[in-house]
Amino acid sequence: MTAKTVTQMDPVTKLDVFVRARYPVIWIVSAEEERIEYAIQGLMDTPKHQGKTLFSWTIARGMRLVKSPDQEMAPGDPIQALQFVSQFKDPQATADKPTRAVFLFKDLDPYLKDPRCQRALRDVIADITSSHKTVILLGSSPNVPESCKRQVAMINWDLPTLDELGDLLDEFIQDLPDVIPCDLENGDRDQIARALSGLSWFQAQSVLSTAAIATGKLDADVVQFVNQEKARVIKESGILEFYNPEGLPEIGGLDLLKQYLTRRRRSFTARAREYGVPTPKGMLLLGVPGGGKSLTAKTIAKMWGLPLIRLDVGAVMGSHVGESERNMRQALQVAESTAPCVLWLDEIEKGLSGVGSSGNTDGGTTARVFGTLLTWLQEKTAPVYVVATSNDISALPPELLRAGRFDEIFFVDVPNPAERAEIWSIHLGKVNRDPASFDLDALVSASEGYTGAEIETAVGDALVTGFDQDQDLDTDLVVDAITSRVPLTETMRDKLDHLRGWAKKRARPASSEFVSDAAAAPSRSRRRTAALDA
């Protein structure tokens, strides 16, 4: 059996290896203090580490023994706390049994910008190298000072795994009060654990508690409630949104794209891996605004039965140093923890605009965020299918389009006649009208050159007019509503022609009938006349 490399190890195993290898400083990247401290305590109780003294330091409480937290061993001042590490000696230590201790620093990250604190850390590294003392720094960003990087081991502590969430659920069930009955059958436990994936330990506990209290029980039906709570918790971050596949719509038309997706529906299964099928990376969707790119992302999740996570790339950018990079890493970590899933990068060009001039405008923040995303797209192994949507190909950095980032690039144009008929039927049905009672041929003719979003808006406008005039919704009202609007294919004709020209050589069409010239958008009078003739 081949030994695992460090990169293949789980975080606890990495920590065990680094401590036993006598790294003087270990930096753990995580925002879950309670979970990390619990894991470290568990590691210190194993035979390999028994006898080591575990300390914990915060700026508010100073340095304290974890097992005797009432006594302050060193003050909250970070430099004095680091000096304590160098000076600490176990009273029972001997030449044969030297001092063995682990020091967990929870709040040191922001103080390492101070050169004096950096100097104190470098002094500690020099003092404890090759000893049995280990400093563990816990922070949500890997802001290791440049002068210390070579002496610091890094561990990115991922969100809880399915096994960990299963253990959390078992503990939660044991602590349930008698007034809340638990009726879980075989398989229910795994479904609930899967529903909790993508949440931190604390968030998972909170969601379970909310579900049990709100429903008054814990059974298979709690999965739906957990998914709803999970969507709420993730959305509160302001960066991500979570969608359950059962509640997602389907899109009309795009037959070539749907054929492509249908062939890859089982690509995430274990059988596909055994057969040698490569895990799909994702796709880039280009096209007309309102053409259905966002709806396509939802359709993919619906077709494949996978949860959908929407990442607002623009919202990733924060005002504080290191915040943007941290937001991107945490968002990608949530996606990997929820895998298999679909990650939707909506209007990606808006979040990545200015990459080329980032060094002059924002100190290189956008470039670093973009670099983090590119590296992840190229090297990710988790079954996360990325769907990036864009309206403007000229605003995308060329590195994003390089082979290996996405499996395919599709172009979504305005719908062809068959697709428009399907779209009209969908939106008329949504307002409780029978599409068969309308002249679909007339509607299709009147809406040539219009997007699906514009067709949906026209139905709403016709409803308002019909209600105001106290008459039933009919074909004439809808034709008037659609022909009174100026479609994007007219207002953005030159830009769309350029986009179509680019896509004709470099992207696959999403539909069989690929609209490729400006004649696809006849004037409003021509559309009105054609509709009346129909």
Protein backbone atom coordinates (compact mmCIF):
# COMPACT_ATOMS: atom_id res chain seq x y z
CA MET A 1 0.00 0.00 0.00
CA THR A 2 1.43 3.40 -1.01
CA ALA A 3 1.82 5.89 1.82
CA LYS A 4 -0.28 9.03 1.54
CA THR A 5 1.46 12.31 0.82
CA VAL A 6 0.87 15.19 3.20
CA THR A 7 -1.52 16.84 0.73
CA GLN A 8 -3.68 13.69 0.70
CA MET A 9 -3.98 13.51 4.49
CA ASP A 10 -6.96 14.75 6.47
CA PRO A 11 -6.29 17.83 8.67
CA VAL A 12 -6.00 15.90 11.96
CA THR A 13 -3.44 13.52 10.47
CA LYS A 14 -1.50 16.46 9.00
CA LEU A 15 -1.43 18.12 12.41
CA ASP A 16 -0.23 14.91 14.05
CA VAL A 17 2.58 14.54 11.49
CA PHE A 18 3.69 18.18 11.73
CA VAL A 19 3.75 18.17 15.54
CA ARG A 20 5.75 14.94 15.66
CA ALA A 21 8.06 16.29 12.94
CA ARG A 22 8.79 19.16 15.35
CA TYR A 23 7.73 22.04 13.17
CA PRO A 24 8.13 25.06 15.46
CA VAL A 25 5.02 26.83 14.10
CA ILE A 26 1.90 25.40 12.48
CA TRP A 27 -0.66 27.75 10.95
CA ILE A 28 -4.23 26.41 10.77
CA VAL A 29 -6.50 28.29 8.36
CA SER A 30 -10.03 28.10 9.75
CA ALA A 31 -12.66 30.29 11.41
CA GLU A 32 -13.95 27.41 13.58
CA GLU A 33 -12.13 27.95 16.88
CA GLU A 34 -14.22 25.57 18.97
CA ARG A 35 -13.96 22.71 16.49
CA ILE A 36 -10.20 23.13 16.01
CA GLU A 37 -9.49 23.32 19.75
CA TYR A 38 -11.61 20.21 20.29
CA ALA A 39 -9.60 18.37 17.61
CA ILE A 40 -6.28 19.48 19.13
CA GLN A 41 -7.37 18.34 22.59
CA GLY A 42 -8.33 14.97 21.15
CA LEU A 43 -4.94 14.68 19.46
CA MET A 44 -3.11 15.52 22.70
CA ASP A 45 -4.94 12.67 24.44
CA THR A 46 -3.57 10.06 22.02
CA PRO A 47 -0.62 7.89 23.15
CA LYS A 48 1.81 9.61 20.77
CA HIS A 49 1.24 13.00 22.44
CA GLN A 50 0.36 12.13 26.02
CA GLY A 51 2.33 14.15 28.54
CA LYS A 52 2.29 17.33 26.45
CA THR A 53 0.93 20.43 28.14
CA LEU A 54 -1.69 22.29 26.07
CA PHE A 55 -1.99 26.06 26.42
CA SER A 56 -4.49 28.42 24.79
CA TRP A 57 -4.00 32.18 24.30
CA THR A 58 -6.45 34.94 23.41
CA ILE A 59 -5.97 38.69 23.50
CA ALA A 60 -8.71 38.97 26.14
CA ARG A 61 -7.83 36.12 28.50
CA GLY A 62 -4.09 35.77 27.99
CA MET A 63 -2.26 32.42 28.12
CA ARG A 64 -3.98 29.69 30.12
CA LEU A 65 -3.74 25.94 30.59
CA VAL A 66 -6.59 24.30 28.68
CA LYS A 67 -7.20 21.85 31.54
CA SER A 68 -6.88 24.57 34.21
CA PRO A 69 -8.32 27.70 32.59
CA ASP A 70 -8.73 29.68 35.81
CA GLN A 71 -5.05 30.62 36.10
CA GLU A 72 -3.46 33.13 33.72
CA MET A 73 0.08 32.00 32.83
CA ALA A 74 0.95 34.96 30.58
CA PRO A 75 -0.81 38.26 29.79
CA GLY A 76 -2.86 39.14 26.73
CA ASP A 77 -0.02 41.18 25.26
CA PRO A 78 1.05 39.16 22.16
CA ILE A 79 4.78 39.83 22.49
CA GLN A 80 4.87 38.83 26.16
CA ALA A 81 2.83 35.71 25.33
CA LEU A 82 5.37 34.70 22.66
CA GLN A 83 8.21 35.30 25.11
CA PHE A 84 6.44 33.01 27.56
CA VAL A 85 6.64 30.21 24.97
CA SER A 86 10.44 30.52 24.80
CA GLN A 87 10.83 30.69 28.58
CA PHE A 88 8.34 27.99 29.64
CA LYS A 89 9.83 24.92 31.34
CA ASP A 90 7.87 22.04 32.75
CA PRO A 91 8.74 21.78 36.52
CA GLN A 92 8.94 18.00 36.11
CA ALA A 93 11.15 18.11 33.03
CA THR A 94 14.54 16.40 33.08
CA ALA A 95 17.38 15.92 30.65
CA ASP A 96 15.81 12.62 29.57
CA LYS A 97 12.27 14.02 29.57
CA PRO A 98 12.40 17.58 28.18
CA THR A 99 9.56 20.06 28.26
CA ARG A 100 6.78 19.02 25.90
CA ALA A 101 4.07 21.60 25.21
CA VAL A 102 1.70 22.93 22.56
CA PHE A 103 0.66 26.59 22.51
CA LEU A 104 -2.55 27.49 20.66
CA PHE A 105 -2.74 31.19 19.69
CA LYS A 106 -6.23 32.24 18.58
CA ASP A 107 -5.84 36.00 18.08
CA LEU A 108 -2.26 36.53 16.93
CA ASP A 109 -3.07 36.97 13.22
CA PRO A 110 -3.86 40.74 13.21
CA TYR A 111 -0.84 41.59 15.43
CA LEU A 112 1.64 40.00 13.04
CA LYS A 113 1.48 43.14 10.91
CA ASP A 114 3.51 44.80 13.68
CA PRO A 115 7.27 44.37 13.01
CA ARG A 116 7.87 43.92 16.74
CA CYS A 117 5.45 41.00 16.87
CA GLN A 118 7.05 39.50 13.78
CA ARG A 119 10.43 39.76 15.49
CA ALA A 120 9.04 38.08 18.61
CA LEU A 121 7.68 35.20 16.49
CA ARG A 122 11.02 34.78 14.72
CA ASP A 123 12.75 34.68 18.14
CA VAL A 124 10.36 31.94 19.29
CA ILE A 125 11.03 29.94 16.12
CA ALA A 126 14.77 30.16 16.78
CA ASP A 127 14.34 29.20 20.45
CA ILE A 128 12.06 26.17 20.03
CA THR A 129 13.26 24.67 16.73
CA SER A 130 14.12 20.98 17.27
CA SER A 131 12.52 21.10 20.73
CA HIS A 132 9.29 19.45 21.86
CA LYS A 133 7.43 22.77 21.87
CA THR A 134 4.95 23.65 19.12
CA VAL A 135 3.16 26.92 18.43
CA ILE A 136 -0.17 26.59 16.62
CA LEU A 137 -1.56 29.79 15.09
CA LEU A 138 -5.28 29.78 14.27
CA GLY A 139 -6.59 32.31 11.75
CA SER A 140 -9.13 32.61 8.98
CA SER A 141 -6.49 33.76 6.46
CA PRO A 142 -2.96 32.46 5.80
CA ASN A 143 -1.27 35.79 6.57
CA VAL A 144 2.11 34.36 7.47
CA PRO A 145 4.81 37.07 7.60
CA GLU A 146 7.20 36.73 4.68
CA SER A 147 10.15 36.46 7.08
CA CYS A 148 8.67 33.36 8.75
CA LYS A 149 7.14 31.40 5.85
CA ARG A 150 9.93 28.85 5.54
CA GLN A 151 9.58 27.79 9.18
CA VAL A 152 5.76 27.58 9.21
CA ALA A 153 3.71 24.52 8.20
CA MET A 154 0.29 25.36 6.75
CA ILE A 155 -2.94 23.40 7.23
CA ASN A 156 -6.17 24.43 5.50
CA TRP A 157 -8.79 22.94 7.79
CA ASP A 158 -11.78 22.09 5.64
CA LEU A 159 -15.41 22.23 6.67
CA PRO A 160 -16.77 19.11 8.43
CA THR A 161 -16.79 15.93 6.34
CA LEU A 162 -19.83 13.67 6.00
CA ASP A 163 -18.34 11.36 8.63
CA GLU A 164 -17.89 14.27 11.04
CA LEU A 165 -21.43 15.50 10.37
CA GLY A 166 -22.70 11.97 10.99
CA ASP A 167 -20.88 11.94 14.35
CA LEU A 168 -22.32 15.36 15.15
CA LEU A 169 -25.81 14.06 14.38
CA ASP A 170 -25.26 11.01 16.60
CA GLU A 171 -24.22 13.26 19.50
CA PHE A 172 -27.18 15.54 18.85
CA ILE A 173 -29.59 12.58 18.96
CA GLN A 174 -28.12 11.37 22.26
CA ASP A 175 -28.69 14.79 23.82
CA LEU A 176 -32.25 15.20 22.52
CA PRO A 177 -34.78 15.83 25.31
CA ASP A 178 -37.52 13.24 25.74
CA VAL A 179 -40.19 15.66 24.52
CA ILE A 180 -38.68 15.58 21.01
CA PRO A 181 -39.13 12.07 19.53
CA CYS A 182 -36.49 10.67 17.19
CA ASP A 183 -37.71 8.34 14.44
CA LEU A 184 -34.87 7.86 11.96
CA GLU A 185 -34.77 4.75 9.76
CA ASN A 186 -31.88 3.23 7.82
CA GLY A 187 -30.49 5.81 5.43
CA ASP A 188 -32.14 8.79 7.12
CA ARG A 189 -28.98 9.58 9.08
CA ASP A 190 -26.89 9.79 5.90
CA GLN A 191 -29.48 11.99 4.17
CA ILE A 192 -29.49 14.46 7.06
CA ALA A 193 -25.68 14.49 7.16
CA ARG A 194 -25.62 15.15 3.42
CA ALA A 195 -28.12 17.99 3.86
CA LEU A 196 -25.81 19.55 6.48
CA SER A 197 -22.75 19.47 4.18
CA GLY A 198 -21.27 22.87 3.43
CA LEU A 199 -21.97 24.20 6.94
CA SER A 200 -19.50 24.77 9.73
CA TRP A 201 -19.70 22.67 12.90
CA PHE A 202 -21.49 25.46 14.78
CA GLN A 203 -23.86 26.16 11.87
CA ALA A 204 -24.74 22.47 11.58
CA GLN A 205 -25.53 22.29 15.31
CA SER A 206 -27.66 25.42 15.07
CA VAL A 207 -29.58 24.18 12.03
CA LEU A 208 -30.29 20.81 13.71
CA SER A 209 -31.48 22.54 16.87
CA THR A 210 -33.72 24.88 14.89
CA ALA A 211 -35.17 21.98 12.89
CA ALA A 212 -35.87 19.85 15.99
CA ILE A 213 -37.49 22.72 17.91
CA ALA A 214 -39.51 24.03 14.96
CA THR A 215 -40.87 20.61 13.91
CA GLY A 216 -41.00 19.05 17.38
CA LYS A 217 -39.41 15.84 16.12
CA LEU A 218 -36.44 14.36 14.31
CA ASP A 219 -37.35 12.11 11.39
CA ALA A 220 -36.85 11.81 7.64
CA ASP A 221 -39.04 14.87 6.99
CA VAL A 222 -36.49 17.06 8.76
CA VAL A 223 -34.23 16.89 5.66
CA GLN A 224 -36.42 19.41 3.81
CA PHE A 225 -36.39 21.76 6.80
CA VAL A 226 -32.59 21.40 7.10
CA ASN A 227 -32.19 22.31 3.42
CA GLN A 228 -34.33 25.42 3.90
CA GLU A 229 -32.37 26.47 6.97
CA LYS A 230 -29.11 25.73 5.21
CA ALA A 231 -30.15 27.98 2.30
CA ARG A 232 -30.95 30.77 4.78
CA VAL A 233 -27.66 30.41 6.68
CA ILE A 234 -25.53 30.34 3.51
CA LYS A 235 -27.39 33.29 2.00
CA GLU A 236 -26.66 35.41 5.10
CA SER A 237 -22.99 35.39 4.11
CA GLY A 238 -23.90 37.77 1.27
CA ILE A 239 -21.64 35.85 -1.11
CA LEU A 240 -23.37 32.51 -1.65
CA GLU A 241 -26.91 31.30 -2.25
CA PHE A 242 -28.02 27.68 -1.93
CA TYR A 243 -30.77 26.11 -4.03
CA ASN A 244 -32.27 22.66 -3.53
CA PRO A 245 -32.68 20.89 -6.91
CA GLU A 246 -36.31 19.92 -6.24
CA GLY A 247 -37.38 23.55 -6.26
CA LEU A 248 -35.57 24.61 -9.42
CA PRO A 249 -37.27 25.32 -12.78
CA GLU A 250 -36.44 23.94 -16.21
CA ILE A 251 -35.71 25.95 -19.32
CA GLY A 252 -37.39 25.73 -22.71
CA GLY A 253 -35.36 24.97 -25.84
CA LEU A 254 -31.54 24.72 -25.95
CA ASP A 255 -31.76 21.19 -27.37
CA LEU A 256 -28.03 20.81 -28.16
CA LEU A 257 -27.02 21.94 -24.69
CA LYS A 258 -29.54 19.56 -23.10
CA GLN A 259 -28.21 16.67 -25.19
CA TYR A 260 -24.70 17.49 -23.98
CA LEU A 261 -25.87 17.53 -20.36
CA THR A 262 -27.91 14.35 -20.69
CA ARG A 263 -24.85 12.39 -21.84
CA ARG A 264 -22.96 13.57 -18.76
CA ARG A 265 -25.74 13.05 -16.24
CA ARG A 266 -24.05 10.02 -14.64
CA SER A 267 -20.49 11.33 -14.82
CA PHE A 268 -20.33 11.97 -11.06
CA THR A 269 -21.21 8.38 -10.11
CA ALA A 270 -18.82 5.76 -8.74
CA ARG A 271 -19.52 3.60 -11.79
CA ALA A 272 -18.29 6.43 -14.04
CA ARG A 273 -15.05 6.66 -12.08
CA GLU A 274 -14.54 2.90 -12.33
CA TYR A 275 -15.11 3.10 -16.09
CA GLY A 276 -12.48 5.84 -16.32
CA VAL A 277 -14.80 8.74 -17.18
CA PRO A 278 -13.09 12.00 -16.16
CA THR A 279 -15.00 14.10 -13.65
CA PRO A 280 -16.64 16.99 -15.53
CA LYS A 281 -15.12 20.40 -14.75
CA GLY A 282 -17.84 22.72 -15.95
CA MET A 283 -18.91 25.05 -18.75
CA LEU A 284 -18.86 28.71 -19.67
CA LEU A 285 -22.14 30.11 -20.99
CA LEU A 286 -21.93 33.19 -23.21
CA GLY A 287 -24.81 34.96 -24.81
CA VAL A 288 -27.49 37.58 -25.04
CA PRO A 289 -28.60 39.15 -21.72
CA GLY A 290 -31.93 37.62 -20.76
CA GLY A 291 -31.35 34.65 -23.07
CA GLY A 292 -31.60 32.09 -20.27
CA LYS A 293 -28.02 31.55 -19.11
CA SER A 294 -28.89 31.86 -15.44
CA LEU A 295 -31.92 29.64 -15.89
CA THR A 296 -29.67 27.11 -17.64
CA ALA A 297 -27.48 26.87 -14.52
CA LYS A 298 -30.59 26.01 -12.52
CA THR A 299 -31.69 23.53 -15.19
CA ILE A 300 -28.37 21.67 -14.96
CA ALA A 301 -28.80 21.20 -11.21
CA LYS A 302 -32.39 20.09 -11.79
CA MET A 303 -31.45 17.57 -14.52
CA TRP A 304 -28.63 16.07 -12.48
CA GLY A 305 -30.41 16.20 -9.11
CA LEU A 306 -27.55 18.16 -7.53
CA PRO A 307 -27.68 21.12 -5.15
CA LEU A 308 -26.91 24.48 -6.73
CA ILE A 309 -24.68 27.10 -5.10
CA ARG A 310 -24.62 30.58 -6.61
CA LEU A 311 -21.42 32.56 -6.03
CA ASP A 312 -21.65 36.32 -6.48
CA VAL A 313 -18.08 37.00 -7.62
CA GLY A 314 -18.56 40.76 -7.22
CA ALA A 315 -19.61 40.37 -3.57
CA VAL A 316 -16.37 38.49 -2.82
CA MET A 317 -14.43 41.76 -2.90
CA GLY A 318 -14.07 43.13 0.62
CA SER A 319 -12.75 46.41 2.00
CA HIS A 320 -10.22 44.99 4.47
CA VAL A 321 -6.77 43.62 3.65
CA GLY A 322 -6.99 39.90 2.91
CA GLU A 323 -10.80 39.84 3.16
CA SER A 324 -11.43 39.27 -0.56
CA GLU A 325 -9.02 36.34 -0.79
CA ARG A 326 -10.49 34.83 2.37
CA ASN A 327 -14.04 35.19 1.02
CA MET A 328 -13.10 33.38 -2.19
CA ARG A 329 -11.35 30.54 -0.34
CA GLN A 330 -14.26 30.08 2.04
CA ALA A 331 -16.80 30.11 -0.81
CA LEU A 332 -14.87 27.44 -2.71
CA GLN A 333 -14.52 25.44 0.49
CA VAL A 334 -18.30 25.47 0.97
CA ALA A 335 -18.74 24.24 -2.62
CA GLU A 336 -16.25 21.38 -2.13
CA SER A 337 -17.89 20.38 1.16
CA THR A 338 -21.31 20.28 -0.55
CA ALA A 339 -20.01 18.24 -3.52
CA PRO A 340 -21.26 16.76 -5.71
CA CYS A 341 -22.92 20.04 -6.60
CA VAL A 342 -23.22 22.73 -9.27
CA LEU A 343 -21.37 26.00 -8.59
CA TRP A 344 -22.86 28.89 -10.51
CA LEU A 345 -20.58 31.90 -11.12
CA ASP A 346 -23.14 34.46 -12.28
CA GLU A 347 -22.00 37.26 -14.62
CA ILE A 348 -18.39 36.43 -13.85
CA GLU A 349 -17.02 39.33 -15.89
CA LYS A 350 -18.41 41.86 -13.37
CA GLY A 351 -16.41 40.40 -10.51
CA LEU A 352 -13.21 40.04 -12.52
CA SER A 353 -13.19 43.36 -14.31
CA GLY A 354 -9.95 45.24 -13.87
CA VAL A 355 -7.71 42.18 -13.39
CA GLY A 356 -5.10 43.58 -15.75
CA SER A 357 -4.83 46.91 -13.91
CA SER A 358 -5.34 45.45 -10.43
CA GLY A 359 -1.79 46.27 -9.32
CA ASN A 360 -2.43 50.00 -9.89
CA THR A 361 -6.04 50.25 -8.74
CA ASP A 362 -6.52 47.95 -5.74
CA GLY A 363 -3.08 46.80 -4.72
CA GLY A 364 -3.41 43.55 -6.66
CA THR A 365 -6.47 42.27 -4.74
CA THR A 366 -8.54 41.46 -7.84
CA ALA A 367 -5.57 39.72 -9.43
CA ARG A 368 -5.01 37.57 -6.32
CA VAL A 369 -8.69 36.64 -6.10
CA PHE A 370 -8.67 35.77 -9.80
CA GLY A 371 -5.51 33.72 -9.31
CA THR A 372 -7.13 31.78 -6.47
CA LEU A 373 -10.13 30.99 -8.69
CA LEU A 374 -7.98 30.00 -11.69
CA THR A 375 -5.81 27.66 -9.61
CA TRP A 376 -8.88 26.03 -8.11
CA LEU A 377 -10.56 25.59 -11.51
CA GLN A 378 -7.44 23.91 -12.87
CA GLU A 379 -6.60 21.67 -9.91
CA LYS A 380 -9.88 20.89 -8.13
CA THR A 381 -10.58 17.21 -7.57
CA ALA A 382 -13.92 17.51 -5.76
CA PRO A 383 -16.97 16.81 -7.97
CA VAL A 384 -18.02 20.45 -8.29
CA TYR A 385 -19.46 21.31 -11.72
CA VAL A 386 -18.80 24.98 -12.43
CA VAL A 387 -21.24 26.95 -14.59
CA ALA A 388 -19.93 30.44 -15.33
CA THR A 389 -22.20 32.87 -17.17
CA SER A 390 -21.11 36.00 -19.04
CA ASN A 391 -22.70 38.63 -21.28
CA ASP A 392 -19.46 40.23 -22.44
CA ILE A 393 -16.63 38.07 -23.73
CA SER A 394 -14.34 41.09 -24.15
CA ALA A 395 -14.40 41.68 -20.37
CA LEU A 396 -13.15 38.19 -19.54
CA PRO A 397 -9.43 37.70 -18.85
CA PRO A 398 -7.94 35.44 -21.57
CA GLU A 399 -6.52 33.09 -18.91
CA LEU A 400 -10.06 32.07 -17.99
CA LEU A 401 -10.71 30.73 -21.50
CA ARG A 402 -7.60 28.57 -21.61
CA ALA A 403 -8.10 24.83 -22.12
CA GLY A 404 -8.46 22.97 -18.85
CA ARG A 405 -10.55 25.55 -17.00
CA PHE A 406 -13.86 24.41 -18.53
CA ASP A 407 -14.92 21.39 -20.53
CA GLU A 408 -16.89 23.43 -23.03
CA ILE A 409 -18.00 26.94 -23.99
CA PHE A 410 -21.61 27.30 -25.16
CA PHE A 411 -23.25 30.28 -26.81
CA VAL A 412 -26.89 31.02 -25.94
CA ASP A 413 -28.58 33.18 -28.57
CA VAL A 414 -32.13 34.51 -28.78
CA PRO A 415 -34.59 31.59 -29.02
CA ASN A 416 -35.51 30.11 -32.39
CA PRO A 417 -39.20 29.72 -33.40
CA ALA A 418 -39.68 26.29 -31.78
CA GLU A 419 -38.06 27.54 -28.58
CA ARG A 420 -40.21 30.67 -28.56
CA ALA A 421 -43.34 28.55 -28.82
CA GLU A 422 -42.18 26.53 -25.84
CA ILE A 423 -41.28 29.67 -23.87
CA TRP A 424 -44.66 31.29 -24.58
CA SER A 425 -46.40 28.12 -23.37
CA ILE A 426 -44.32 28.05 -20.19
CA HIS A 427 -45.01 31.68 -19.24
CA LEU A 428 -48.69 31.60 -20.15
CA GLY A 429 -49.03 28.48 -18.03
CA LYS A 430 -47.31 30.24 -15.12
CA VAL A 431 -50.13 32.84 -15.03
CA ASN A 432 -52.80 30.11 -15.10
CA ARG A 433 -53.71 30.52 -18.75
CA ASP A 434 -54.13 27.63 -21.19
CA PRO A 435 -51.57 28.07 -23.98
CA ALA A 436 -53.88 26.17 -26.34
CA SER A 437 -56.36 29.08 -26.16
CA PHE A 438 -53.80 31.45 -27.69
CA ASP A 439 -52.56 31.73 -31.25
CA LEU A 440 -48.99 30.57 -30.60
CA ASP A 441 -48.01 31.00 -34.25
CA ALA A 442 -48.89 34.70 -34.01
CA LEU A 443 -46.98 35.06 -30.75
CA VAL A 444 -43.95 33.28 -32.18
CA SER A 445 -43.98 35.52 -35.25
CA ALA A 446 -44.38 38.71 -33.18
CA SER A 447 -41.55 37.81 -30.83
CA GLU A 448 -38.83 37.14 -33.40
CA GLY A 449 -35.55 38.50 -32.02
CA TYR A 450 -36.80 38.65 -28.43
CA THR A 451 -35.22 36.87 -25.46
CA GLY A 452 -37.00 34.61 -23.02
CA ALA A 453 -36.83 37.32 -20.35
CA GLU A 454 -38.51 39.81 -22.70
CA ILE A 455 -41.27 37.29 -23.51
CA GLU A 456 -41.87 36.79 -19.78
CA THR A 457 -42.06 40.56 -19.25
CA ALA A 458 -44.50 40.92 -22.16
CA VAL A 459 -46.88 38.42 -20.56
CA GLY A 460 -46.80 40.47 -17.37
CA ASP A 461 -47.43 43.71 -19.27
CA ALA A 462 -50.38 42.14 -21.10
CA LEU A 463 -51.87 41.02 -17.80
CA VAL A 464 -51.68 44.57 -16.43
CA THR A 465 -53.35 45.96 -19.57
CA GLY A 466 -56.05 43.31 -19.57
CA PHE A 467 -56.84 43.88 -15.90
CA ASP A 468 -56.96 47.65 -16.43
CA GLN A 469 -59.34 47.26 -19.39
CA ASP A 470 -61.39 44.62 -17.59
CA GLN A 471 -60.98 42.02 -20.33
CA ASP A 472 -59.60 38.49 -20.52
CA LEU A 473 -56.02 37.95 -21.57
CA ASP A 474 -55.94 37.09 -25.27
CA THR A 475 -53.51 36.89 -28.19
CA ASP A 476 -54.02 40.52 -29.28
CA LEU A 477 -53.15 41.87 -25.85
CA VAL A 478 -49.98 39.80 -25.74
CA VAL A 479 -48.96 40.72 -29.30
CA ASP A 480 -49.43 44.41 -28.47
CA ALA A 481 -47.31 43.99 -25.35
CA ILE A 482 -44.44 42.26 -27.13
CA THR A 483 -44.35 44.51 -30.21
CA SER A 484 -44.43 47.68 -28.11
CA ARG A 485 -41.07 46.76 -26.60
CA VAL A 486 -37.69 47.38 -28.23
CA PRO A 487 -35.68 44.16 -27.88
CA LEU A 488 -32.04 44.01 -26.89
CA THR A 489 -31.23 42.62 -30.32
CA GLU A 490 -32.01 46.12 -31.67
CA THR A 491 -30.61 48.31 -28.89
CA MET A 492 -27.39 46.25 -28.68
CA ARG A 493 -27.20 45.15 -32.31
CA ASP A 494 -23.49 45.93 -32.93
CA LYS A 495 -22.33 44.42 -29.65
CA LEU A 496 -24.37 41.25 -30.17
CA ASP A 497 -23.14 40.87 -33.74
CA HIS A 498 -19.58 41.01 -32.46
CA LEU A 499 -20.38 38.43 -29.78
CA ARG A 500 -22.02 36.13 -32.34
CA GLY A 501 -19.02 36.43 -34.62
CA TRP A 502 -16.68 35.44 -31.79
CA ALA A 503 -18.91 32.54 -30.71
CA LYS A 504 -19.29 31.19 -34.24
CA LYS A 505 -15.60 30.20 -34.27
CA ARG A 506 -14.91 29.52 -30.59
CA ALA A 507 -18.09 28.22 -28.91
CA ARG A 508 -20.73 25.57 -29.43
CA PRO A 509 -24.32 26.67 -30.13
CA ALA A 510 -26.80 25.77 -27.40
CA SER A 511 -29.64 25.38 -29.93
CA SER A 512 -29.98 23.65 -33.29
CA GLU A 513 -30.96 26.81 -35.11
CA PHE A 514 -28.08 29.20 -34.43
CA VAL A 515 -29.08 32.85 -35.12
CA SER A 516 -25.98 34.48 -36.56
CA ASP A 517 -26.87 37.76 -38.26
CA ALA A 518 -28.55 41.05 -37.51
CA ALA A 519 -31.56 40.13 -39.64
CA ALA A 520 -32.72 38.00 -36.72
CA ALA A 521 -34.25 41.13 -35.20
CA PRO A 522 -36.79 42.63 -37.64
CA SER A 523 -38.40 45.97 -36.85
CA ARG A 524 -41.46 46.25 -34.61
CA SER A 525 -43.70 47.09 -37.59
CA ARG A 526 -42.51 43.98 -39.46
CA ARG A 527 -43.16 41.83 -36.40
CA ARG A 528 -46.64 43.32 -35.92
CA THR A 529 -47.53 42.78 -39.59
CA ALA A 530 -46.20 39.21 -39.53
CA ALA A 531 -48.22 38.43 -36.43
CA LEU A 532 -51.44 39.77 -37.98
CA ASP A 533 -50.79 37.83 -41.17
CA ALA A 534 -50.30 34.66 -39.11
